[in-house]
Amino acid sequence: MYHLGLQPDDYLHECYHIETYKKAYLFPMQPINGPHDWEKTGIEPMLPTIERKIPGSPKKNRKMAKDESKKMKPDHLSRKCLIMTCT
C-alpha cells in the first residue's frame, strides 16, 4: 500500500479508530448489584450440560482406590528394583 501511495487509514473501518475507542470508554461503567439483589423469577436455574464421550477419543483407565494396587500382566516385567547381571 505504501509503495502505491495509499493510506491504510482509508481502508480501515472506523470502529478501529482511536476516536471511536475513546468515545466508547468516555463514561465510566457503573457497578451492578450482586446476585443477592437480583429479582427472583421463579424459573429453575439452568443445569450444566451433560458431559458426553466424544467419538474417537481415547479411553481412560478406571480410577483405582488408594488401597488397590496396579495389577501387571503376568508376562510383563517391571523395571523397578530389577537387578541385572551379565554372564
PDB file of N, CA and C in Angstrom:
ATOM      1  N   MET A   1       0.820  -1.186   0.000  1.00  0.00           N
ATOM      2  CA  MET A   1       0.000   0.000   0.000  1.00  0.00           C
ATOM      3  C   MET A   1       0.869   1.257   0.000  1.00  0.00           C
ATOM      4  N   TYR A   2       1.953   1.177   0.771  1.00  0.00           N
ATOM      5  CA  TYR A   2       2.796   2.365   0.863  1.00  0.00           C
ATOM      6  C   TYR A   2       3.491   2.663  -0.455  1.00  0.00           C
ATOM      7  N   HIS A   3       3.910   1.616  -1.175  1.00  0.00           N
ATOM      8  CA  HIS A   3       4.614   1.874  -2.429  1.00  0.00           C
ATOM      9  C   HIS A   3       3.681   2.398  -3.519  1.00  0.00           C
ATOM     10  N   LEU A   4       2.346   2.219  -3.329  1.00  0.00           N
ATOM     11  CA  LEU A   4       1.375   2.779  -4.264  1.00  0.00           C
ATOM     12  C   LEU A   4       0.909   4.170  -3.836  1.00  0.00           C
ATOM     13  N   GLY A   5       1.354   4.613  -2.657  1.00  0.00           N
ATOM     14  CA  GLY A   5       0.972   5.938  -2.167  1.00  0.00           C
ATOM     15  C   GLY A   5      -0.404   5.954  -1.514  1.00  0.00           C
ATOM     16  N   LEU A   6      -0.918   4.784  -1.089  1.00  0.00           N
ATOM     17  CA  LEU A   6      -2.237   4.707  -0.453  1.00  0.00           C
ATOM     18  C   LEU A   6      -2.090   4.783   1.059  1.00  0.00           C
ATOM     19  N   GLN A   7      -3.087   5.345   1.705  1.00  0.00           N
ATOM     20  CA  GLN A   7      -3.094   5.455   3.153  1.00  0.00           C
ATOM     21  C   GLN A   7      -3.888   4.285   3.745  1.00  0.00           C
ATOM     22  N   PRO A   8      -3.324   3.553   4.699  1.00  0.00           N
ATOM     23  CA  PRO A   8      -4.053   2.435   5.309  1.00  0.00           C
ATOM     24  C   PRO A   8      -5.313   2.884   6.040  1.00  0.00           C
ATOM     25  N   ASP A   9      -5.327   4.122   6.543  1.00  0.00           N
ATOM     26  CA  ASP A   9      -6.498   4.617   7.263  1.00  0.00           C
ATOM     27  C   ASP A   9      -7.729   4.714   6.366  1.00  0.00           C
ATOM     28  N   ASP A  10      -7.534   4.839   5.064  1.00  0.00           N
ATOM     29  CA  ASP A  10      -8.665   4.904   4.141  1.00  0.00           C
ATOM     30  C   ASP A  10      -9.370   3.553   4.020  1.00  0.00           C
ATOM     31  N   TYR A  11      -8.677   2.468   4.320  1.00  0.00           N
ATOM     32  CA  TYR A  11      -9.233   1.123   4.178  1.00  0.00           C
ATOM     33  C   TYR A  11      -9.575   0.491   5.526  1.00  0.00           C
ATOM     34  N   LEU A  12      -9.390   1.236   6.595  1.00  0.00           N
ATOM     35  CA  LEU A  12      -9.646   0.743   7.938  1.00  0.00           C
ATOM     36  C   LEU A  12     -11.045   1.157   8.383  1.00  0.00           C
ATOM     37  N   HIS A  13     -11.811   0.209   8.920  1.00  0.00           N
ATOM     38  CA  HIS A  13     -13.159   0.516   9.400  1.00  0.00           C
ATOM     39  C   HIS A  13     -13.059   1.472  10.582  1.00  0.00           C
ATOM     40  N   GLU A  14     -14.042   2.337  10.721  1.00  0.00           N
ATOM     41  CA  GLU A  14     -13.958   3.375  11.749  1.00  0.00           C
ATOM     42  C   GLU A  14     -14.094   2.825  13.163  1.00  0.00           C
ATOM     43  N   CYS A  15     -14.545   1.592  13.320  1.00  0.00           N
ATOM     44  CA  CYS A  15     -14.617   1.035  14.677  1.00  0.00           C
ATOM     45  C   CYS A  15     -13.223   0.785  15.243  1.00  0.00           C
ATOM     46  N   TYR A  16     -12.200   0.767  14.391  1.00  0.00           N
ATOM     47  CA  TYR A  16     -10.827   0.570  14.846  1.00  0.00           C
ATOM     48  C   TYR A  16     -10.076   1.885  15.055  1.00  0.00           C
ATOM     49  N   HIS A  17     -10.708   3.002  14.850  1.00  0.00           N
ATOM     50  CA  HIS A  17     -10.057   4.296  15.032  1.00  0.00           C
ATOM     51  C   HIS A  17      -9.945   4.625  16.518  1.00  0.00           C
ATOM     52  N   ILE A  18      -8.951   5.414  16.870  1.00  0.00           N
ATOM     53  CA  ILE A  18      -8.722   5.796  18.260  1.00  0.00           C
ATOM     54  C   ILE A  18      -9.878   6.635  18.790  1.00  0.00           C
ATOM     55  N   GLU A  19     -10.436   7.497  17.953  1.00  0.00           N
ATOM     56  CA  GLU A  19     -11.542   8.351  18.398  1.00  0.00           C
ATOM     57  C   GLU A  19     -12.758   7.511  18.795  1.00  0.00           C
ATOM     58  N   THR A  20     -13.044   6.465  18.041  1.00  0.00           N
ATOM     59  CA  THR A  20     -14.180   5.598  18.354  1.00  0.00           C
ATOM     60  C   THR A  20     -13.942   4.869  19.668  1.00  0.00           C
ATOM     61  N   TYR A  21     -12.714   4.429  19.898  1.00  0.00           N
ATOM     62  CA  TYR A  21     -12.360   3.754  21.147  1.00  0.00           C
ATOM     63  C   TYR A  21     -12.553   4.699  22.329  1.00  0.00           C
ATOM     64  N   LYS A  22     -12.102   5.923  22.183  1.00  0.00           N
ATOM     65  CA  LYS A  22     -12.234   6.897  23.267  1.00  0.00           C
ATOM     66  C   LYS A  22     -13.694   7.243  23.539  1.00  0.00           C
ATOM     67  N   LYS A  23     -14.533   7.305  22.496  1.00  0.00           N
ATOM     68  CA  LYS A  23     -15.963   7.573  22.686  1.00  0.00           C
ATOM     69  C   LYS A  23     -16.631   6.428  23.438  1.00  0.00           C
ATOM     70  N   ALA A  24     -16.213   5.203  23.153  1.00  0.00           N
ATOM     71  CA  ALA A  24     -16.828   4.040  23.793  1.00  0.00           C
ATOM     72  C   ALA A  24     -16.545   4.015  25.290  1.00  0.00           C
ATOM     73  N   TYR A  25     -15.351   4.442  25.691  1.00  0.00           N
ATOM     74  CA  TYR A  25     -14.966   4.395  27.094  1.00  0.00           C
ATOM     75  C   TYR A  25     -14.938   5.780  27.731  1.00  0.00           C
ATOM     76  N   LEU A  26     -15.699   6.724  27.188  1.00  0.00           N
ATOM     77  CA  LEU A  26     -15.745   8.079  27.714  1.00  0.00           C
ATOM     78  C   LEU A  26     -16.392   8.113  29.096  1.00  0.00           C
ATOM     79  N   PHE A  27     -17.506   7.400  29.263  1.00  0.00           N
ATOM     80  CA  PHE A  27     -18.227   7.393  30.531  1.00  0.00           C
ATOM     81  C   PHE A  27     -17.803   6.180  31.353  1.00  0.00           C
ATOM     82  N   PRO A  28     -17.604   6.370  32.657  1.00  0.00           N
ATOM     83  CA  PRO A  28     -17.202   5.221  33.486  1.00  0.00           C
ATOM     84  C   PRO A  28     -18.356   4.228  33.619  1.00  0.00           C
ATOM     85  N   MET A  29     -18.008   2.976  33.744  1.00  0.00           N
ATOM     86  CA  MET A  29     -19.028   1.932  33.907  1.00  0.00           C
ATOM     87  C   MET A  29     -19.459   1.898  35.365  1.00  0.00           C
ATOM     88  N   GLN A  30     -20.755   1.868  35.597  1.00  0.00           N
ATOM     89  CA  GLN A  30     -21.289   1.838  36.946  1.00  0.00           C
ATOM     90  C   GLN A  30     -21.380   0.393  37.426  1.00  0.00           C
ATOM     91  N   PRO A  31     -21.040   0.131  38.687  1.00  0.00           N
ATOM     92  CA  PRO A  31     -21.140  -1.241  39.192  1.00  0.00           C
ATOM     93  C   PRO A  31     -22.598  -1.673  39.292  1.00  0.00           C
ATOM     94  N   ILE A  32     -22.825  -2.977  39.156  1.00  0.00           N
ATOM     95  CA  ILE A  32     -24.185  -3.509  39.270  1.00  0.00           C
ATOM     96  C   ILE A  32     -24.330  -4.217  40.607  1.00  0.00           C
ATOM     97  N   ASN A  33     -25.559  -4.428  41.022  1.00  0.00           N
ATOM     98  CA  ASN A  33     -25.829  -5.114  42.281  1.00  0.00           C
ATOM     99  C   ASN A  33     -25.454  -6.584  42.159  1.00  0.00           C
ATOM    100  N   GLY A  34     -25.171  -7.210  43.292  1.00  0.00           N
ATOM    101  CA  GLY A  34     -24.800  -8.620  43.316  1.00  0.00           C
ATOM    102  C   GLY A  34     -26.017  -9.523  43.171  1.00  0.00           C
ATOM    103  N   PRO A  35     -25.801 -10.840  43.084  1.00  0.00           N
ATOM    104  CA  PRO A  35     -26.900 -11.797  42.898  1.00  0.00           C
ATOM    105  C   PRO A  35     -27.937 -11.755  44.020  1.00  0.00           C
ATOM    106  N   HIS A  36     -27.535 -11.347  45.222  1.00  0.00           N
ATOM    107  CA  HIS A  36     -28.498 -11.296  46.325  1.00  0.00           C
ATOM    108  C   HIS A  36     -29.546 -10.201  46.107  1.00  0.00           C
ATOM    109  N   ASP A  37     -29.279  -9.214  45.260  1.00  0.00           N
ATOM    110  CA  ASP A  37     -30.227  -8.136  44.978  1.00  0.00           C
ATOM    111  C   ASP A  37     -31.033  -8.364  43.704  1.00  0.00           C
ATOM    112  N   TRP A  38     -30.756  -9.440  42.979  1.00  0.00           N
ATOM    113  CA  TRP A  38     -31.458  -9.687  41.726  1.00  0.00           C
ATOM    114  C   TRP A  38     -32.888 -10.143  41.989  1.00  0.00           C
ATOM    115  N   GLU A  39     -33.766  -9.824  41.074  1.00  0.00           N
ATOM    116  CA  GLU A  39     -35.171 -10.175  41.200  1.00  0.00           C
ATOM    117  C   GLU A  39     -35.364 -11.671  40.943  1.00  0.00           C
ATOM    118  N   LYS A  40     -36.120 -12.332  41.820  1.00  0.00           N
ATOM    119  CA  LYS A  40     -36.396 -13.764  41.671  1.00  0.00           C
ATOM    120  C   LYS A  40     -37.482 -13.945  40.619  1.00  0.00           C
ATOM    121  N   THR A  41     -37.260 -14.849  39.655  1.00  0.00           N
ATOM    122  CA  THR A  41     -38.211 -15.036  38.560  1.00  0.00           C
ATOM    123  C   THR A  41     -39.084 -16.265  38.731  1.00  0.00           C
ATOM    124  N   GLY A  42     -38.699 -17.206  39.574  1.00  0.00           N
ATOM    125  CA  GLY A  42     -39.474 -18.427  39.737  1.00  0.00           C
ATOM    126  C   GLY A  42     -39.070 -19.520  38.759  1.00  0.00           C
ATOM    127  N   ILE A  43     -38.203 -19.208  37.838  1.00  0.00           N
ATOM    128  CA  ILE A  43     -37.715 -20.198  36.882  1.00  0.00           C
ATOM    129  C   ILE A  43     -36.527 -20.919  37.513  1.00  0.00           C
ATOM    130  N   GLU A  44     -36.495 -22.249  37.337  1.00  0.00           N
ATOM    131  CA  GLU A  44     -35.391 -23.019  37.911  1.00  0.00           C
ATOM    132  C   GLU A  44     -34.073 -22.625  37.247  1.00  0.00           C
ATOM    133  N   PRO A  45     -32.995 -22.593  38.026  1.00  0.00           N
ATOM    134  CA  PRO A  45     -31.705 -22.245  37.424  1.00  0.00           C
ATOM    135  C   PRO A  45     -31.263 -23.303  36.417  1.00  0.00           C
ATOM    136  N   MET A  46     -30.475 -22.870  35.449  1.00  0.00           N
ATOM    137  CA  MET A  46     -30.017 -23.789  34.410  1.00  0.00           C
ATOM    138  C   MET A  46     -29.002 -24.768  34.977  1.00  0.00           C
ATOM    139  N   LEU A  47     -29.062 -25.992  34.501  1.00  0.00           N
ATOM    140  CA  LEU A  47     -28.102 -27.012  34.890  1.00  0.00           C
ATOM    141  C   LEU A  47     -26.977 -27.057  33.867  1.00  0.00           C
ATOM    142  N   PRO A  48     -25.795 -27.495  34.286  1.00  0.00           N
ATOM    143  CA  PRO A  48     -24.713 -27.608  33.305  1.00  0.00           C
ATOM    144  C   PRO A  48     -25.022 -28.703  32.294  1.00  0.00           C
ATOM    145  N   THR A  49     -24.390 -28.615  31.142  1.00  0.00           N
ATOM    146  CA  THR A  49     -24.636 -29.602  30.098  1.00  0.00           C
ATOM    147  C   THR A  49     -24.085 -30.959  30.508  1.00  0.00           C
ATOM    148  N   ILE A  50     -24.670 -31.998  29.941  1.00  0.00           N
ATOM    149  CA  ILE A  50     -24.241 -33.359  30.229  1.00  0.00           C
ATOM    150  C   ILE A  50     -22.952 -33.622  29.460  1.00  0.00           C
ATOM    151  N   GLU A  51     -21.948 -34.124  30.181  1.00  0.00           N
ATOM    152  CA  GLU A  51     -20.685 -34.430  29.516  1.00  0.00           C
ATOM    153  C   GLU A  51     -20.841 -35.744  28.774  1.00  0.00           C
ATOM    154  N   ARG A  52     -20.621 -35.702  27.483  1.00  0.00           N
ATOM    155  CA  ARG A  52     -20.736 -36.897  26.660  1.00  0.00           C
ATOM    156  C   ARG A  52     -19.365 -37.299  26.169  1.00  0.00           C
ATOM    157  N   LYS A  53     -19.211 -38.592  25.920  1.00  0.00           N
ATOM    158  CA  LYS A  53     -17.948 -39.088  25.393  1.00  0.00           C
ATOM    159  C   LYS A  53     -17.855 -38.679  23.935  1.00  0.00           C
ATOM    160  N   ILE A  54     -16.781 -38.025  23.596  1.00  0.00           N
ATOM    161  CA  ILE A  54     -16.576 -37.585  22.222  1.00  0.00           C
ATOM    162  C   ILE A  54     -16.154 -38.791  21.395  1.00  0.00           C
ATOM    163  N   PRO A  55     -16.755 -39.002  20.228  1.00  0.00           N
ATOM    164  CA  PRO A  55     -16.371 -40.147  19.419  1.00  0.00           C
ATOM    165  C   PRO A  55     -14.909 -40.068  18.998  1.00  0.00           C
ATOM    166  N   GLY A  56     -14.238 -41.177  19.113  1.00  0.00           N
ATOM    167  CA  GLY A  56     -12.858 -41.237  18.677  1.00  0.00           C
ATOM    168  C   GLY A  56     -11.848 -40.837  19.735  1.00  0.00           C
ATOM    169  N   SER A  57     -12.303 -40.414  20.900  1.00  0.00           N
ATOM    170  CA  SER A  57     -11.339 -40.034  21.927  1.00  0.00           C
ATOM    171  C   SER A  57     -10.809 -41.296  22.607  1.00  0.00           C
ATOM    172  N   PRO A  58      -9.584 -41.260  23.108  1.00  0.00           N
ATOM    173  CA  PRO A  58      -9.025 -42.456  23.729  1.00  0.00           C
ATOM    174  C   PRO A  58      -9.739 -42.788  25.035  1.00  0.00           C
ATOM    175  N   LYS A  59      -9.821 -44.076  25.332  1.00  0.00           N
ATOM    176  CA  LYS A  59     -10.462 -44.498  26.571  1.00  0.00           C
ATOM    177  C   LYS A  59      -9.551 -44.173  27.740  1.00  0.00           C
ATOM    178  N   LYS A  60     -10.151 -43.846  28.864  1.00  0.00           N
ATOM    179  CA  LYS A  60      -9.380 -43.538  30.060  1.00  0.00           C
ATOM    180  C   LYS A  60      -9.416 -44.747  30.986  1.00  0.00           C
ATOM    181  N   ASN A  61      -8.334 -44.924  31.734  1.00  0.00           N
ATOM    182  CA  ASN A  61      -8.298 -46.015  32.690  1.00  0.00           C
ATOM    183  C   ASN A  61      -9.207 -45.699  33.862  1.00  0.00           C
ATOM    184  N   ARG A  62      -9.685 -46.736  34.489  1.00  0.00           N
ATOM    185  CA  ARG A  62     -10.539 -46.579  35.654  1.00  0.00           C
ATOM    186  C   ARG A  62      -9.710 -46.034  36.804  1.00  0.00           C
ATOM    187  N   LYS A  63     -10.278 -45.128  37.587  1.00  0.00           N
ATOM    188  CA  LYS A  63      -9.567 -44.592  38.741  1.00  0.00           C
ATOM    189  C   LYS A  63      -9.570 -45.651  39.835  1.00  0.00           C
ATOM    190  N   MET A  64      -8.386 -45.970  40.324  1.00  0.00           N
ATOM    191  CA  MET A  64      -8.264 -47.012  41.334  1.00  0.00           C
ATOM    192  C   MET A  64      -8.320 -46.400  42.725  1.00  0.00           C
ATOM    193  N   ALA A  65      -8.769 -47.206  43.682  1.00  0.00           N
ATOM    194  CA  ALA A  65      -8.806 -46.772  45.068  1.00  0.00           C
ATOM    195  C   ALA A  65      -7.380 -46.716  45.608  1.00  0.00           C
ATOM    196  N   LYS A  66      -7.198 -46.036  46.740  1.00  0.00           N
ATOM    197  CA  LYS A  66      -5.858 -45.887  47.302  1.00  0.00           C
ATOM    198  C   LYS A  66      -5.277 -47.226  47.741  1.00  0.00           C
ATOM    199  N   ASP A  67      -6.143 -48.104  48.261  1.00  0.00           N
ATOM    200  CA  ASP A  67      -5.643 -49.392  48.735  1.00  0.00           C
ATOM    201  C   ASP A  67      -5.538 -50.429  47.615  1.00  0.00           C
ATOM    202  N   GLU A  68      -5.965 -50.098  46.431  1.00  0.00           N
ATOM    203  CA  GLU A  68      -5.917 -51.024  45.304  1.00  0.00           C
ATOM    204  C   GLU A  68      -4.585 -50.851  44.572  1.00  0.00           C
ATOM    205  N   SER A  69      -3.914 -51.966  44.321  1.00  0.00           N
ATOM    206  CA  SER A  69      -2.616 -51.877  43.659  1.00  0.00           C
ATOM    207  C   SER A  69      -2.784 -52.059  42.160  1.00  0.00           C
ATOM    208  N   LYS A  70      -1.811 -51.537  41.421  1.00  0.00           N
ATOM    209  CA  LYS A  70      -1.832 -51.725  39.975  1.00  0.00           C
ATOM    210  C   LYS A  70      -1.481 -53.173  39.678  1.00  0.00           C
ATOM    211  N   LYS A  71      -2.307 -53.816  38.919  1.00  0.00           N
ATOM    212  CA  LYS A  71      -2.041 -55.205  38.571  1.00  0.00           C
ATOM    213  C   LYS A  71      -1.331 -55.235  37.230  1.00  0.00           C
ATOM    214  N   MET A  72      -0.221 -55.955  37.200  1.00  0.00           N
ATOM    215  CA  MET A  72       0.541 -56.083  35.973  1.00  0.00           C
ATOM    216  C   MET A  72       0.152 -57.377  35.269  1.00  0.00           C
ATOM    217  N   LYS A  73       0.371 -57.391  34.001  1.00  0.00           N
ATOM    218  CA  LYS A  73       0.144 -58.616  33.247  1.00  0.00           C
ATOM    219  C   LYS A  73       1.183 -59.644  33.691  1.00  0.00           C
ATOM    220  N   PRO A  74       0.840 -60.921  33.684  1.00  0.00           N
ATOM    221  CA  PRO A  74       1.800 -61.925  34.149  1.00  0.00           C
ATOM    222  C   PRO A  74       3.069 -61.984  33.293  1.00  0.00           C
ATOM    223  N   ASP A  75       2.983 -61.647  32.035  1.00  0.00           N
ATOM    224  CA  ASP A  75       4.159 -61.711  31.180  1.00  0.00           C
ATOM    225  C   ASP A  75       4.898 -60.377  31.113  1.00  0.00           C
ATOM    226  N   HIS A  76       4.474 -59.400  31.897  1.00  0.00           N
ATOM    227  CA  HIS A  76       5.095 -58.073  31.877  1.00  0.00           C
ATOM    228  C   HIS A  76       6.033 -57.948  33.069  1.00  0.00           C
ATOM    229  N   LEU A  77       7.273 -57.562  32.819  1.00  0.00           N
ATOM    230  CA  LEU A  77       8.245 -57.383  33.891  1.00  0.00           C
ATOM    231  C   LEU A  77       8.409 -55.904  34.193  1.00  0.00           C
ATOM    232  N   SER A  78       8.521 -55.610  35.465  1.00  0.00           N
ATOM    233  CA  SER A  78       8.718 -54.238  35.891  1.00  0.00           C
ATOM    234  C   SER A  78      10.204 -53.941  35.950  1.00  0.00           C
ATOM    235  N   ARG A  79      10.593 -52.705  35.688  1.00  0.00           N
ATOM    236  CA  ARG A  79      12.000 -52.325  35.775  1.00  0.00           C
ATOM    237  C   ARG A  79      12.361 -51.891  37.190  1.00  0.00           C
ATOM    238  N   LYS A  80      11.374 -51.753  38.046  1.00  0.00           N
ATOM    239  CA  LYS A  80      11.618 -51.319  39.409  1.00  0.00           C
ATOM    240  C   LYS A  80      12.322 -52.420  40.189  1.00  0.00           C
ATOM    241  N   CYS A  81      13.368 -52.057  40.897  1.00  0.00           N
ATOM    242  CA  CYS A  81      14.116 -52.983  41.748  1.00  0.00           C
ATOM    243  C   CYS A  81      14.567 -54.219  40.985  1.00  0.00           C
ATOM    244  N   LEU A  82      14.923 -54.070  39.758  1.00  0.00           N
ATOM    245  CA  LEU A  82      15.359 -55.192  38.938  1.00  0.00           C
ATOM    246  C   LEU A  82      16.880 -55.217  38.947  1.00  0.00           C
ATOM    247  N   ILE A  83      17.436 -56.319  39.378  1.00  0.00           N
ATOM    248  CA  ILE A  83      18.884 -56.471  39.404  1.00  0.00           C
ATOM    249  C   ILE A  83      19.283 -57.252  38.162  1.00  0.00           C
ATOM    250  N   MET A  84      20.163 -56.646  37.368  1.00  0.00           N
ATOM    251  CA  MET A  84      20.598 -57.307  36.140  1.00  0.00           C
ATOM    252  C   MET A  84      22.042 -57.761  36.314  1.00  0.00           C
ATOM    253  N   THR A  85      22.316 -58.937  35.850  1.00  0.00           N
ATOM    254  CA  THR A  85      23.687 -59.449  35.886  1.00  0.00           C
ATOM    255  C   THR A  85      24.056 -59.951  34.507  1.00  0.00           C
ATOM    256  N   CYS A  86      25.300 -59.811  34.178  1.00  0.00           N
ATOM    257  CA  CYS A  86      25.789 -60.318  32.900  1.00  0.00           C
ATOM    258  C   CYS A  86      26.514 -61.632  33.143  1.00  0.00           C
ATOM    259  N   THR A  87      26.315 -62.582  32.292  1.00  0.00           N
ATOM    260  CA  THR A  87      27.001 -63.869  32.460  1.00  0.00           C
ATOM    261  C   THR A  87      27.990 -64.097  31.351  1.00  0.00           C
TER     262      THR A  87
END
